[in-house]
């Protein structure tokens, strides 16, 4: 929050540019400005003209009104994003215990213009991958409202099929598999294979002690 206050003019300018200069000059919103896969449920509510009016009315200055004491233990600041729920924290702990390095979180990938953008839960890249390639990990089943929606499930398949056809490998992990050592061993061995980590792949098959360490 302190950084938001300090750099709010930059945030305001970036937001203003998005809503005021849509490349497609859409009437309300489209994939060239406000629409992404992540906010798909809210596309019908997005209106860049209304957003522009609000930004102009509120101005580019943010002032601290009062402090909000933390209700959870504070985590030191660091590079990148952190897991935001118990399942994502569990996945991160398992990956690290199994011998994988810290993955990339919060990176948005731009797909075909007709599809838009998306953000995997975790991304891994080997030295032989380009920036527009890698392994995308999805943690499914966190919300029945999202993953139980047939339209959303269909969109998920479309996006993941696109990734597989454009230089990406996809690992799909169900949240209920996070406590299944056999399932996680299979997922992680496949991930190690995609990354060319042959030694790690073999060790994951030979020893599952990492599962109890996480």
N, C-alpha and C. Protein backbone atom coordinates (compact mmCIF):
# COMPACT_ATOMS: atom_id res chain seq x y z
N UNK A 1 0.84 -1.20 0.00
CA UNK A 1 0.00 0.00 0.00
C UNK A 1 0.87 1.25 0.00
N UNK A 2 1.94 1.21 0.78
CA UNK A 2 2.84 2.36 0.79
C UNK A 2 3.39 2.64 -0.61
N UNK A 3 3.74 1.58 -1.32
CA UNK A 3 4.26 1.76 -2.68
C UNK A 3 3.18 2.28 -3.62
N UNK A 4 1.94 1.82 -3.42
CA UNK A 4 0.85 2.33 -4.25
C UNK A 4 0.67 3.83 -4.06
N UNK A 5 0.72 4.25 -2.80
CA UNK A 5 0.57 5.68 -2.50
C UNK A 5 1.72 6.47 -3.12
N UNK A 6 2.92 5.97 -2.93
CA UNK A 6 4.12 6.67 -3.42
C UNK A 6 4.15 6.77 -4.94
N UNK A 7 3.68 5.72 -5.62
CA UNK A 7 3.78 5.67 -7.08
C UNK A 7 2.42 5.73 -7.77
N UNK A 8 1.43 6.28 -7.07
CA UNK A 8 0.07 6.25 -7.61
C UNK A 8 -0.05 7.01 -8.93
N UNK A 9 0.75 8.04 -9.10
CA UNK A 9 0.70 8.78 -10.37
C UNK A 9 1.04 7.87 -11.54
N UNK A 10 2.01 6.95 -11.34
CA UNK A 10 2.36 5.99 -12.39
C UNK A 10 1.20 5.02 -12.64
N UNK A 11 0.58 4.55 -11.55
CA UNK A 11 -0.57 3.66 -11.68
C UNK A 11 -1.69 4.35 -12.44
N UNK A 12 -1.97 5.60 -12.07
CA UNK A 12 -3.04 6.37 -12.70
C UNK A 12 -2.75 6.57 -14.19
N UNK A 13 -1.52 6.93 -14.52
CA UNK A 13 -1.16 7.16 -15.92
C UNK A 13 -1.31 5.89 -16.75
N UNK A 14 -0.89 4.75 -16.18
CA UNK A 14 -0.99 3.48 -16.91
C UNK A 14 -2.46 3.11 -17.13
N UNK A 15 -3.28 3.27 -16.08
CA UNK A 15 -4.70 2.95 -16.20
C UNK A 15 -5.39 3.90 -17.18
N UNK A 16 -5.02 5.17 -17.12
CA UNK A 16 -5.61 6.18 -18.00
C UNK A 16 -5.30 5.85 -19.47
N UNK A 17 -4.07 5.40 -19.72
CA UNK A 17 -3.67 5.06 -21.09
C UNK A 17 -4.47 3.87 -21.61
N UNK A 18 -4.73 2.90 -20.75
CA UNK A 18 -5.48 1.71 -21.16
C UNK A 18 -6.90 2.06 -21.57
N UNK A 19 -7.57 2.86 -20.73
CA UNK A 19 -8.99 3.13 -20.98
C UNK A 19 -9.23 4.26 -21.98
N UNK A 20 -8.24 5.09 -22.21
CA UNK A 20 -8.44 6.23 -23.11
C UNK A 20 -7.96 5.97 -24.53
N UNK A 21 -7.14 4.94 -24.71
CA UNK A 21 -6.55 4.71 -26.04
C UNK A 21 -6.62 3.26 -26.45
N UNK A 22 -7.82 2.71 -26.47
CA UNK A 22 -7.99 1.33 -26.92
C UNK A 22 -7.63 1.22 -28.40
N UNK A 23 -6.72 0.32 -28.79
CA UNK A 23 -6.33 0.19 -30.20
C UNK A 23 -7.52 -0.13 -31.11
N UNK A 24 -8.53 -0.81 -30.55
CA UNK A 24 -9.69 -1.18 -31.36
C UNK A 24 -10.79 -0.12 -31.29
N UNK A 25 -10.57 0.91 -30.47
CA UNK A 25 -11.57 1.98 -30.29
C UNK A 25 -12.96 1.40 -29.98
N UNK A 26 -13.00 0.44 -29.06
CA UNK A 26 -14.26 -0.23 -28.73
C UNK A 26 -15.20 0.72 -27.98
N UNK A 27 -16.47 0.35 -27.94
CA UNK A 27 -17.47 1.19 -27.29
C UNK A 27 -17.42 1.07 -25.77
N UNK A 28 -17.13 -0.14 -25.26
CA UNK A 28 -17.11 -0.34 -23.82
C UNK A 28 -15.84 -1.04 -23.36
N UNK A 29 -15.61 -2.27 -23.84
CA UNK A 29 -14.40 -3.00 -23.49
C UNK A 29 -14.17 -4.11 -24.50
N UNK A 30 -12.91 -4.51 -24.64
CA UNK A 30 -12.58 -5.61 -25.55
C UNK A 30 -11.23 -6.19 -25.13
N UNK A 31 -10.75 -7.18 -25.86
CA UNK A 31 -9.50 -7.85 -25.48
C UNK A 31 -8.28 -6.97 -25.69
N UNK A 32 -8.44 -5.84 -26.40
CA UNK A 32 -7.31 -4.95 -26.62
C UNK A 32 -7.16 -3.93 -25.48
N UNK A 33 -8.14 -3.89 -24.57
CA UNK A 33 -8.02 -2.92 -23.46
C UNK A 33 -8.27 -3.60 -22.11
N UNK A 34 -9.52 -3.80 -21.73
CA UNK A 34 -9.83 -4.23 -20.37
C UNK A 34 -10.06 -5.72 -20.19
N UNK A 35 -10.42 -6.43 -21.24
CA UNK A 35 -10.81 -7.82 -21.09
C UNK A 35 -9.62 -8.78 -21.07
N UNK A 36 -9.58 -9.63 -20.06
CA UNK A 36 -8.59 -10.71 -19.98
C UNK A 36 -9.34 -11.99 -19.61
N UNK A 37 -8.64 -13.11 -19.69
CA UNK A 37 -9.27 -14.37 -19.31
C UNK A 37 -9.64 -14.34 -17.83
N UNK A 38 -8.77 -13.78 -17.00
CA UNK A 38 -8.99 -13.79 -15.56
C UNK A 38 -10.24 -13.02 -15.14
N UNK A 39 -10.59 -11.96 -15.88
CA UNK A 39 -11.78 -11.20 -15.49
C UNK A 39 -12.97 -11.53 -16.40
N UNK A 40 -12.92 -12.72 -17.01
CA UNK A 40 -13.95 -13.11 -17.97
C UNK A 40 -15.37 -13.04 -17.42
N UNK A 41 -15.54 -13.37 -16.14
CA UNK A 41 -16.88 -13.35 -15.55
C UNK A 41 -17.46 -11.94 -15.52
N UNK A 42 -16.60 -10.91 -15.56
CA UNK A 42 -17.05 -9.53 -15.41
C UNK A 42 -17.03 -8.73 -16.71
N UNK A 43 -16.76 -9.39 -17.83
CA UNK A 43 -16.65 -8.65 -19.09
C UNK A 43 -17.87 -7.77 -19.37
N UNK A 44 -19.06 -8.28 -19.05
CA UNK A 44 -20.27 -7.52 -19.37
C UNK A 44 -20.40 -6.25 -18.54
N UNK A 45 -19.63 -6.15 -17.46
CA UNK A 45 -19.71 -4.96 -16.61
C UNK A 45 -18.62 -3.93 -16.92
N UNK A 46 -17.63 -4.30 -17.72
CA UNK A 46 -16.50 -3.41 -17.96
C UNK A 46 -16.87 -2.30 -18.94
N UNK A 47 -16.50 -1.09 -18.60
CA UNK A 47 -16.82 0.07 -19.45
C UNK A 47 -15.67 1.06 -19.34
N UNK A 48 -14.86 1.14 -20.36
CA UNK A 48 -13.68 2.00 -20.28
C UNK A 48 -14.04 3.49 -20.22
N UNK A 49 -15.19 3.86 -20.80
CA UNK A 49 -15.61 5.26 -20.74
C UNK A 49 -15.94 5.65 -19.30
N UNK A 50 -16.66 4.78 -18.61
CA UNK A 50 -16.98 5.05 -17.21
C UNK A 50 -15.71 5.09 -16.36
N UNK A 51 -14.78 4.17 -16.65
CA UNK A 51 -13.51 4.15 -15.92
C UNK A 51 -12.72 5.43 -16.15
N UNK A 52 -12.72 5.91 -17.39
CA UNK A 52 -12.00 7.14 -17.72
C UNK A 52 -12.60 8.32 -16.96
N UNK A 53 -13.92 8.38 -16.89
CA UNK A 53 -14.58 9.47 -16.16
C UNK A 53 -14.20 9.43 -14.68
N UNK A 54 -14.16 8.23 -14.11
CA UNK A 54 -13.79 8.09 -12.70
C UNK A 54 -12.34 8.53 -12.47
N UNK A 55 -11.45 8.10 -13.33
CA UNK A 55 -10.04 8.47 -13.17
C UNK A 55 -9.86 9.98 -13.26
N UNK A 56 -10.54 10.61 -14.22
CA UNK A 56 -10.42 12.06 -14.37
C UNK A 56 -11.02 12.79 -13.17
N UNK A 57 -12.09 12.25 -12.62
CA UNK A 57 -12.74 12.88 -11.47
C UNK A 57 -11.91 12.73 -10.21
N UNK A 58 -11.37 11.55 -9.99
CA UNK A 58 -10.61 11.30 -8.77
C UNK A 58 -9.22 11.92 -8.80
N UNK A 59 -8.63 12.06 -9.98
CA UNK A 59 -7.29 12.62 -10.07
C UNK A 59 -6.20 11.60 -9.82
N UNK A 60 -4.96 12.01 -9.99
CA UNK A 60 -3.82 11.10 -9.93
C UNK A 60 -3.07 11.15 -8.60
N UNK A 61 -3.70 11.71 -7.56
CA UNK A 61 -3.03 11.82 -6.27
C UNK A 61 -3.76 10.97 -5.24
N UNK A 62 -3.00 10.14 -4.54
CA UNK A 62 -3.56 9.29 -3.50
C UNK A 62 -2.94 9.69 -2.17
N UNK A 63 -3.79 9.91 -1.17
CA UNK A 63 -3.32 10.37 0.14
C UNK A 63 -3.67 9.34 1.20
N UNK A 64 -2.73 9.07 2.10
CA UNK A 64 -2.97 8.12 3.19
C UNK A 64 -3.98 8.72 4.17
N UNK A 65 -5.06 7.95 4.45
CA UNK A 65 -6.05 8.42 5.40
C UNK A 65 -5.81 7.86 6.78
N UNK A 66 -5.54 6.56 6.87
CA UNK A 66 -5.25 5.93 8.16
C UNK A 66 -4.58 4.59 7.90
N UNK A 67 -3.90 4.07 8.90
CA UNK A 67 -3.22 2.79 8.76
C UNK A 67 -4.18 1.65 9.10
N UNK A 68 -3.93 0.49 8.51
CA UNK A 68 -4.73 -0.71 8.77
C UNK A 68 -3.80 -1.74 9.41
N UNK A 69 -4.00 -2.06 10.67
CA UNK A 69 -3.11 -3.03 11.33
C UNK A 69 -3.26 -4.41 10.71
N UNK A 70 -2.18 -5.18 10.56
CA UNK A 70 -2.26 -6.51 9.97
C UNK A 70 -3.01 -7.48 10.87
N UNK A 71 -3.76 -8.40 10.24
CA UNK A 71 -4.47 -9.44 10.99
C UNK A 71 -3.78 -10.79 10.83
N UNK A 72 -2.78 -10.85 9.92
CA UNK A 72 -2.02 -12.06 9.70
C UNK A 72 -0.54 -11.73 9.84
N UNK A 73 0.31 -12.73 10.11
CA UNK A 73 1.75 -12.46 10.17
C UNK A 73 2.24 -11.82 8.89
N UNK A 74 3.10 -10.83 9.03
CA UNK A 74 3.61 -10.13 7.87
C UNK A 74 4.71 -10.94 7.20
N UNK A 75 4.74 -10.89 5.88
CA UNK A 75 5.76 -11.57 5.10
C UNK A 75 6.69 -10.53 4.50
N UNK A 76 7.99 -10.72 4.62
CA UNK A 76 8.91 -9.72 4.07
C UNK A 76 8.75 -9.56 2.58
N UNK A 77 8.98 -8.35 2.09
CA UNK A 77 8.87 -8.08 0.66
C UNK A 77 9.95 -8.81 -0.09
N UNK A 78 9.67 -9.18 -1.32
CA UNK A 78 10.66 -9.88 -2.13
C UNK A 78 10.31 -9.77 -3.59
N UNK A 79 11.08 -10.44 -4.42
CA UNK A 79 10.85 -10.40 -5.85
C UNK A 79 9.66 -11.27 -6.23
N UNK A 80 8.88 -10.84 -7.20
CA UNK A 80 7.80 -11.65 -7.75
C UNK A 80 6.57 -11.69 -6.87
N UNK A 81 5.68 -12.64 -7.15
CA UNK A 81 4.43 -12.78 -6.44
C UNK A 81 4.50 -13.95 -5.48
N UNK A 82 3.59 -13.94 -4.50
CA UNK A 82 3.51 -15.01 -3.54
C UNK A 82 2.20 -15.76 -3.70
N UNK A 83 2.17 -17.05 -3.31
CA UNK A 83 0.90 -17.77 -3.33
C UNK A 83 -0.13 -17.07 -2.46
N UNK A 84 -1.40 -17.11 -2.87
CA UNK A 84 -2.41 -16.33 -2.15
C UNK A 84 -3.38 -17.19 -1.36
N UNK A 85 -3.31 -18.52 -1.45
CA UNK A 85 -4.21 -19.35 -0.67
C UNK A 85 -3.50 -20.62 -0.24
N UNK A 86 -4.16 -21.40 0.59
CA UNK A 86 -3.53 -22.58 1.18
C UNK A 86 -3.07 -23.58 0.12
N UNK A 87 -3.90 -23.81 -0.89
CA UNK A 87 -3.54 -24.78 -1.93
C UNK A 87 -2.31 -24.32 -2.70
N UNK A 88 -2.24 -23.04 -3.04
CA UNK A 88 -1.08 -22.53 -3.77
C UNK A 88 0.17 -22.58 -2.90
N UNK A 89 0.02 -22.33 -1.61
CA UNK A 89 1.15 -22.43 -0.69
C UNK A 89 1.64 -23.87 -0.59
N UNK A 90 0.69 -24.79 -0.57
CA UNK A 90 1.03 -26.21 -0.52
C UNK A 90 1.79 -26.63 -1.78
N UNK A 91 1.31 -26.19 -2.94
CA UNK A 91 1.98 -26.51 -4.20
C UNK A 91 3.40 -25.96 -4.20
N UNK A 92 3.57 -24.73 -3.76
CA UNK A 92 4.91 -24.12 -3.73
C UNK A 92 5.83 -24.93 -2.82
N UNK A 93 5.32 -25.32 -1.64
CA UNK A 93 6.14 -26.08 -0.69
C UNK A 93 6.55 -27.43 -1.29
N UNK A 94 5.64 -28.08 -1.99
CA UNK A 94 5.95 -29.37 -2.61
C UNK A 94 6.99 -29.22 -3.70
N UNK A 95 6.86 -28.19 -4.54
CA UNK A 95 7.82 -27.96 -5.61
C UNK A 95 9.22 -27.74 -5.07
N UNK A 96 9.33 -26.91 -4.04
CA UNK A 96 10.65 -26.62 -3.46
C UNK A 96 11.23 -27.86 -2.79
N UNK A 97 10.38 -28.60 -2.06
CA UNK A 97 10.86 -29.80 -1.38
C UNK A 97 11.31 -30.86 -2.38
N UNK A 98 10.66 -30.91 -3.53
CA UNK A 98 11.01 -31.90 -4.55
C UNK A 98 12.29 -31.56 -5.28
N UNK A 99 12.77 -30.34 -5.13
CA UNK A 99 14.04 -29.97 -5.76
C UNK A 99 13.94 -28.97 -6.89
N UNK A 100 12.73 -28.46 -7.15
CA UNK A 100 12.57 -27.44 -8.18
C UNK A 100 12.91 -26.06 -7.61
N UNK A 101 13.37 -25.17 -8.48
CA UNK A 101 13.63 -23.81 -8.06
C UNK A 101 12.31 -23.05 -7.94
N UNK A 102 12.38 -21.85 -7.43
CA UNK A 102 11.18 -21.02 -7.32
C UNK A 102 10.61 -20.76 -8.71
N UNK A 103 9.32 -21.00 -8.87
CA UNK A 103 8.69 -20.74 -10.15
C UNK A 103 8.29 -19.29 -10.30
N UNK A 104 7.84 -18.94 -11.48
CA UNK A 104 7.40 -17.57 -11.77
C UNK A 104 5.89 -17.49 -11.60
N UNK A 105 5.43 -16.55 -10.80
CA UNK A 105 4.00 -16.36 -10.57
C UNK A 105 3.59 -14.96 -11.00
N UNK A 106 2.36 -14.87 -11.47
CA UNK A 106 1.82 -13.56 -11.83
C UNK A 106 2.21 -13.07 -13.21
N UNK A 107 2.84 -13.92 -14.02
CA UNK A 107 3.24 -13.49 -15.37
C UNK A 107 2.08 -13.71 -16.35
N UNK A 108 1.69 -12.65 -16.99
CA UNK A 108 0.59 -12.73 -17.94
C UNK A 108 1.12 -13.10 -19.32
N UNK A 109 0.45 -14.04 -19.97
CA UNK A 109 0.84 -14.48 -21.30
C UNK A 109 -0.21 -14.02 -22.29
N UNK A 110 0.24 -13.36 -23.34
CA UNK A 110 -0.69 -12.91 -24.38
C UNK A 110 -0.82 -14.01 -25.43
N UNK A 111 -2.06 -14.41 -25.66
CA UNK A 111 -2.34 -15.48 -26.59
C UNK A 111 -2.80 -14.90 -27.92
N UNK A 112 -3.50 -15.69 -28.69
CA UNK A 112 -4.10 -15.21 -29.92
C UNK A 112 -5.06 -14.07 -29.59
N UNK A 113 -5.13 -13.02 -30.43
CA UNK A 113 -6.01 -11.88 -30.13
C UNK A 113 -7.46 -12.28 -29.87
N UNK A 114 -7.91 -13.35 -30.48
CA UNK A 114 -9.29 -13.79 -30.28
C UNK A 114 -9.50 -14.41 -28.91
N UNK A 115 -8.40 -14.84 -28.26
CA UNK A 115 -8.51 -15.48 -26.95
C UNK A 115 -8.20 -14.49 -25.84
N UNK A 116 -7.21 -13.64 -26.05
CA UNK A 116 -6.86 -12.64 -25.04
C UNK A 116 -5.59 -13.01 -24.30
N UNK A 117 -5.61 -12.87 -23.00
CA UNK A 117 -4.43 -13.16 -22.18
C UNK A 117 -4.83 -14.12 -21.06
N UNK A 118 -3.80 -14.70 -20.42
CA UNK A 118 -4.05 -15.57 -19.29
C UNK A 118 -2.81 -15.59 -18.40
N UNK A 119 -3.00 -16.03 -17.16
CA UNK A 119 -1.90 -16.07 -16.19
C UNK A 119 -1.90 -17.42 -15.50
N UNK A 120 -0.96 -18.30 -15.84
CA UNK A 120 -0.88 -19.60 -15.15
C UNK A 120 -0.58 -19.40 -13.67
N UNK A 121 -0.83 -20.44 -12.87
CA UNK A 121 -0.51 -20.35 -11.45
C UNK A 121 1.00 -20.30 -11.24
N UNK A 122 1.74 -21.07 -12.02
CA UNK A 122 3.21 -21.07 -11.95
C UNK A 122 3.76 -21.31 -13.34
N UNK A 123 4.88 -20.68 -13.65
CA UNK A 123 5.58 -20.89 -14.92
C UNK A 123 7.02 -21.32 -14.63
N UNK A 124 7.48 -22.31 -15.38
CA UNK A 124 8.89 -22.71 -15.32
C UNK A 124 9.47 -22.63 -16.73
N UNK A 125 10.72 -22.21 -16.80
CA UNK A 125 11.43 -22.20 -18.07
C UNK A 125 12.81 -22.83 -17.88
N UNK A 126 13.19 -23.66 -18.84
CA UNK A 126 14.54 -24.22 -18.88
C UNK A 126 15.40 -23.27 -19.70
N UNK A 127 16.73 -23.42 -19.62
CA UNK A 127 17.62 -22.54 -20.41
C UNK A 127 17.33 -22.58 -21.90
N UNK A 128 16.77 -23.68 -22.40
CA UNK A 128 16.52 -23.78 -23.84
C UNK A 128 15.18 -23.16 -24.25
N UNK A 129 14.40 -22.69 -23.30
CA UNK A 129 13.13 -22.05 -23.64
C UNK A 129 13.33 -20.57 -23.95
N UNK A 130 12.59 -20.08 -24.93
CA UNK A 130 12.52 -18.64 -25.18
C UNK A 130 11.52 -18.03 -24.21
N UNK A 131 11.42 -16.68 -24.23
CA UNK A 131 10.51 -16.00 -23.32
C UNK A 131 9.05 -16.35 -23.58
N UNK A 132 8.73 -16.71 -24.82
CA UNK A 132 7.35 -17.06 -25.15
C UNK A 132 7.13 -18.57 -25.14
N UNK A 133 7.95 -19.29 -24.37
CA UNK A 133 7.83 -20.73 -24.23
C UNK A 133 8.01 -21.09 -22.77
N UNK A 134 7.72 -22.34 -22.45
CA UNK A 134 7.96 -22.80 -21.09
C UNK A 134 6.96 -23.86 -20.68
N UNK A 135 6.82 -24.03 -19.37
CA UNK A 135 5.87 -24.97 -18.80
C UNK A 135 4.92 -24.20 -17.92
N UNK A 136 3.64 -24.29 -18.23
CA UNK A 136 2.60 -23.59 -17.46
C UNK A 136 1.91 -24.60 -16.54
N UNK A 137 1.88 -24.28 -15.24
CA UNK A 137 1.23 -25.15 -14.27
C UNK A 137 -0.09 -24.51 -13.84
N UNK A 138 -1.14 -25.31 -13.90
CA UNK A 138 -2.46 -24.86 -13.46
C UNK A 138 -2.91 -25.68 -12.26
N UNK A 139 -3.37 -25.01 -11.24
CA UNK A 139 -3.92 -25.66 -10.06
C UNK A 139 -5.44 -25.53 -10.14
N UNK A 140 -6.11 -26.61 -10.46
CA UNK A 140 -7.55 -26.59 -10.71
C UNK A 140 -8.35 -27.03 -9.50
N UNK A 141 -9.61 -26.62 -9.48
CA UNK A 141 -10.52 -27.08 -8.45
C UNK A 141 -10.54 -26.24 -7.20
N UNK A 142 -10.00 -24.99 -7.28
CA UNK A 142 -10.00 -24.13 -6.10
C UNK A 142 -11.36 -23.49 -5.86
N UNK A 143 -12.18 -23.39 -6.89
CA UNK A 143 -13.48 -22.75 -6.74
C UNK A 143 -14.50 -23.45 -7.63
N UNK A 144 -15.54 -23.98 -7.01
CA UNK A 144 -16.60 -24.62 -7.79
C UNK A 144 -17.30 -23.61 -8.68
N UNK A 145 -17.36 -22.36 -8.20
CA UNK A 145 -18.02 -21.30 -8.97
C UNK A 145 -17.30 -21.07 -10.29
N UNK A 146 -15.96 -21.19 -10.26
CA UNK A 146 -15.18 -20.94 -11.48
C UNK A 146 -15.03 -22.22 -12.29
N UNK A 147 -14.42 -23.24 -11.68
CA UNK A 147 -14.09 -24.44 -12.43
C UNK A 147 -15.30 -25.33 -12.69
N UNK A 148 -16.39 -25.12 -11.94
CA UNK A 148 -17.58 -25.91 -12.18
C UNK A 148 -18.47 -25.31 -13.25
N UNK A 149 -18.08 -24.15 -13.75
CA UNK A 149 -18.86 -23.48 -14.78
C UNK A 149 -18.48 -24.06 -16.14
N UNK A 150 -19.46 -24.65 -16.88
CA UNK A 150 -19.14 -25.27 -18.18
C UNK A 150 -18.48 -24.31 -19.16
N UNK A 151 -18.95 -23.05 -19.18
CA UNK A 151 -18.36 -22.08 -20.11
C UNK A 151 -16.91 -21.81 -19.75
N UNK A 152 -16.62 -21.71 -18.45
CA UNK A 152 -15.25 -21.48 -18.01
C UNK A 152 -14.37 -22.68 -18.31
N UNK A 153 -14.91 -23.87 -18.08
CA UNK A 153 -14.15 -25.10 -18.37
C UNK A 153 -13.81 -25.18 -19.85
N UNK A 154 -14.75 -24.79 -20.70
CA UNK A 154 -14.51 -24.80 -22.14
C UNK A 154 -13.43 -23.79 -22.51
N UNK A 155 -13.46 -22.62 -21.87
CA UNK A 155 -12.44 -21.59 -22.12
C UNK A 155 -11.07 -22.07 -21.65
N UNK A 156 -11.05 -22.76 -20.50
CA UNK A 156 -9.79 -23.33 -20.00
C UNK A 156 -9.18 -24.27 -21.04
N UNK A 157 -10.00 -25.16 -21.59
CA UNK A 157 -9.50 -26.11 -22.58
C UNK A 157 -8.98 -25.40 -23.82
N UNK A 158 -9.69 -24.37 -24.25
CA UNK A 158 -9.27 -23.62 -25.43
C UNK A 158 -7.90 -22.98 -25.20
N UNK A 159 -7.73 -22.39 -24.05
CA UNK A 159 -6.47 -21.72 -23.72
C UNK A 159 -5.33 -22.72 -23.62
N UNK A 160 -5.56 -23.82 -22.95
CA UNK A 160 -4.50 -24.80 -22.74
C UNK A 160 -4.15 -25.52 -24.04
N UNK A 161 -5.13 -25.73 -24.88
CA UNK A 161 -4.84 -26.31 -26.20
C UNK A 161 -4.00 -25.33 -27.03
N UNK A 162 -4.30 -24.05 -26.92
CA UNK A 162 -3.52 -23.04 -27.63
C UNK A 162 -2.07 -23.05 -27.15
N UNK A 163 -1.89 -23.11 -25.84
CA UNK A 163 -0.55 -23.13 -25.28
C UNK A 163 0.24 -24.33 -25.78
N UNK A 164 -0.38 -25.49 -25.76
CA UNK A 164 0.29 -26.72 -26.21
C UNK A 164 0.69 -26.64 -27.68
N UNK A 165 -0.06 -25.88 -28.44
CA UNK A 165 0.25 -25.75 -29.86
C UNK A 165 1.19 -24.61 -30.19
N UNK A 166 1.63 -23.88 -29.15
CA UNK A 166 2.47 -22.70 -29.40
C UNK A 166 3.68 -22.64 -28.46
N UNK A 167 4.36 -23.77 -28.33
CA UNK A 167 5.64 -23.77 -27.62
C UNK A 167 5.57 -23.98 -26.13
N UNK A 168 4.40 -24.28 -25.60
CA UNK A 168 4.24 -24.48 -24.16
C UNK A 168 3.88 -25.92 -23.84
N UNK A 169 4.31 -26.36 -22.67
CA UNK A 169 3.81 -27.61 -22.09
C UNK A 169 2.89 -27.20 -20.93
N UNK A 170 1.89 -28.01 -20.68
CA UNK A 170 0.92 -27.67 -19.65
C UNK A 170 0.82 -28.82 -18.64
N UNK A 171 0.92 -28.48 -17.36
CA UNK A 171 0.73 -29.44 -16.28
C UNK A 171 -0.50 -29.01 -15.49
N UNK A 172 -1.51 -29.87 -15.47
CA UNK A 172 -2.76 -29.57 -14.78
C UNK A 172 -2.86 -30.40 -13.50
N UNK A 173 -2.92 -29.72 -12.37
CA UNK A 173 -2.95 -30.39 -11.07
C UNK A 173 -4.26 -30.04 -10.37
N UNK A 174 -5.00 -31.06 -9.96
CA UNK A 174 -6.21 -30.83 -9.19
C UNK A 174 -5.85 -30.55 -7.74
N UNK A 175 -6.57 -29.65 -7.11
CA UNK A 175 -6.26 -29.29 -5.73
C UNK A 175 -6.33 -30.50 -4.81
N UNK A 176 -7.23 -31.45 -5.10
CA UNK A 176 -7.34 -32.62 -4.23
C UNK A 176 -6.19 -33.61 -4.41
N UNK A 177 -5.32 -33.37 -5.41
CA UNK A 177 -4.16 -34.23 -5.60
C UNK A 177 -2.96 -33.77 -4.78
N UNK A 178 -3.05 -32.62 -4.16
CA UNK A 178 -1.92 -32.09 -3.41
C UNK A 178 -1.55 -32.95 -2.20
N UNK A 179 -2.46 -33.80 -1.76
CA UNK A 179 -2.18 -34.71 -0.65
C UNK A 179 -2.02 -36.15 -1.12
N UNK A 180 -1.83 -36.33 -2.42
CA UNK A 180 -1.66 -37.66 -3.01
C UNK A 180 -0.24 -37.76 -3.54
N UNK A 181 0.60 -38.49 -2.82
CA UNK A 181 2.01 -38.56 -3.19
C UNK A 181 2.20 -39.17 -4.57
N UNK A 182 1.39 -40.16 -4.93
CA UNK A 182 1.52 -40.78 -6.23
C UNK A 182 1.22 -39.82 -7.36
N UNK A 183 0.11 -39.08 -7.22
CA UNK A 183 -0.28 -38.11 -8.24
C UNK A 183 0.75 -37.01 -8.38
N UNK A 184 1.24 -36.50 -7.26
CA UNK A 184 2.20 -35.40 -7.32
C UNK A 184 3.54 -35.87 -7.88
N UNK A 185 3.91 -37.11 -7.58
CA UNK A 185 5.15 -37.65 -8.16
C UNK A 185 5.04 -37.71 -9.68
N UNK A 186 3.88 -38.14 -10.18
CA UNK A 186 3.70 -38.20 -11.64
C UNK A 186 3.74 -36.80 -12.26
N UNK A 187 3.06 -35.85 -11.63
CA UNK A 187 3.07 -34.48 -12.14
C UNK A 187 4.49 -33.91 -12.15
N UNK A 188 5.21 -34.12 -11.07
CA UNK A 188 6.54 -33.52 -10.94
C UNK A 188 7.56 -34.21 -11.84
N UNK A 189 7.41 -35.52 -12.06
CA UNK A 189 8.31 -36.19 -12.98
C UNK A 189 8.09 -35.69 -14.40
N UNK A 190 6.83 -35.43 -14.74
CA UNK A 190 6.54 -34.88 -16.06
C UNK A 190 7.11 -33.46 -16.18
N UNK A 191 6.98 -32.67 -15.14
CA UNK A 191 7.55 -31.32 -15.14
C UNK A 191 9.06 -31.38 -15.31
N UNK A 192 9.72 -32.26 -14.56
CA UNK A 192 11.18 -32.39 -14.68
C UNK A 192 11.57 -32.81 -16.09
N UNK A 193 10.78 -33.68 -16.69
CA UNK A 193 11.05 -34.09 -18.07
C UNK A 193 10.93 -32.94 -19.04
N UNK A 194 9.90 -32.13 -18.88
CA UNK A 194 9.71 -30.97 -19.76
C UNK A 194 10.88 -29.99 -19.64
N UNK A 195 11.47 -29.93 -18.44
CA UNK A 195 12.57 -28.99 -18.20
C UNK A 195 13.94 -29.60 -18.52
N UNK A 196 13.95 -30.86 -18.94
CA UNK A 196 15.22 -31.51 -19.26
C UNK A 196 16.02 -31.88 -18.03
N UNK A 197 15.37 -31.97 -16.87
CA UNK A 197 16.05 -32.31 -15.62
C UNK A 197 15.97 -33.82 -15.40
N UNK A 198 16.80 -34.57 -16.11
CA UNK A 198 16.74 -36.02 -16.08
C UNK A 198 17.07 -36.58 -14.70
N UNK A 199 18.10 -36.03 -14.06
CA UNK A 199 18.49 -36.51 -12.74
C UNK A 199 17.39 -36.30 -11.72
N UNK A 200 16.78 -35.13 -11.75
CA UNK A 200 15.68 -34.84 -10.83
C UNK A 200 14.50 -35.76 -11.11
N UNK A 201 14.23 -35.99 -12.38
CA UNK A 201 13.11 -36.88 -12.75
C UNK A 201 13.32 -38.28 -12.18
N UNK A 202 14.55 -38.79 -12.28
CA UNK A 202 14.84 -40.13 -11.77
C UNK A 202 14.76 -40.17 -10.25
N UNK A 203 15.24 -39.11 -9.59
CA UNK A 203 15.22 -39.10 -8.12
C UNK A 203 13.81 -39.02 -7.58
N UNK A 204 12.91 -38.36 -8.30
CA UNK A 204 11.52 -38.27 -7.86
C UNK A 204 10.85 -39.63 -7.90
N UNK A 205 11.29 -40.48 -8.82
CA UNK A 205 10.73 -41.83 -8.92
C UNK A 205 11.31 -42.74 -7.85
N UNK A 206 12.59 -42.53 -7.54
CA UNK A 206 13.28 -43.42 -6.61
C UNK A 206 12.97 -43.11 -5.15
N UNK A 207 12.67 -41.84 -4.85
CA UNK A 207 12.52 -41.44 -3.45
C UNK A 207 11.42 -40.38 -3.33
N UNK A 208 10.42 -40.68 -2.53
CA UNK A 208 9.31 -39.74 -2.33
C UNK A 208 9.40 -39.05 -0.96
N UNK A 209 10.60 -39.06 -0.38
CA UNK A 209 10.78 -38.44 0.93
C UNK A 209 10.47 -36.95 0.93
N UNK A 210 10.64 -36.30 -0.22
CA UNK A 210 10.35 -34.87 -0.33
C UNK A 210 8.90 -34.55 0.00
N UNK A 211 8.00 -35.53 -0.22
CA UNK A 211 6.58 -35.27 0.01
C UNK A 211 6.31 -35.04 1.49
N UNK A 212 7.02 -35.75 2.33
CA UNK A 212 6.83 -35.61 3.79
C UNK A 212 7.56 -34.40 4.34
N UNK A 213 8.49 -33.86 3.56
CA UNK A 213 9.27 -32.69 4.01
C UNK A 213 8.54 -31.39 3.76
N UNK A 214 7.55 -31.40 2.89
CA UNK A 214 6.90 -30.15 2.48
C UNK A 214 5.95 -29.63 3.56
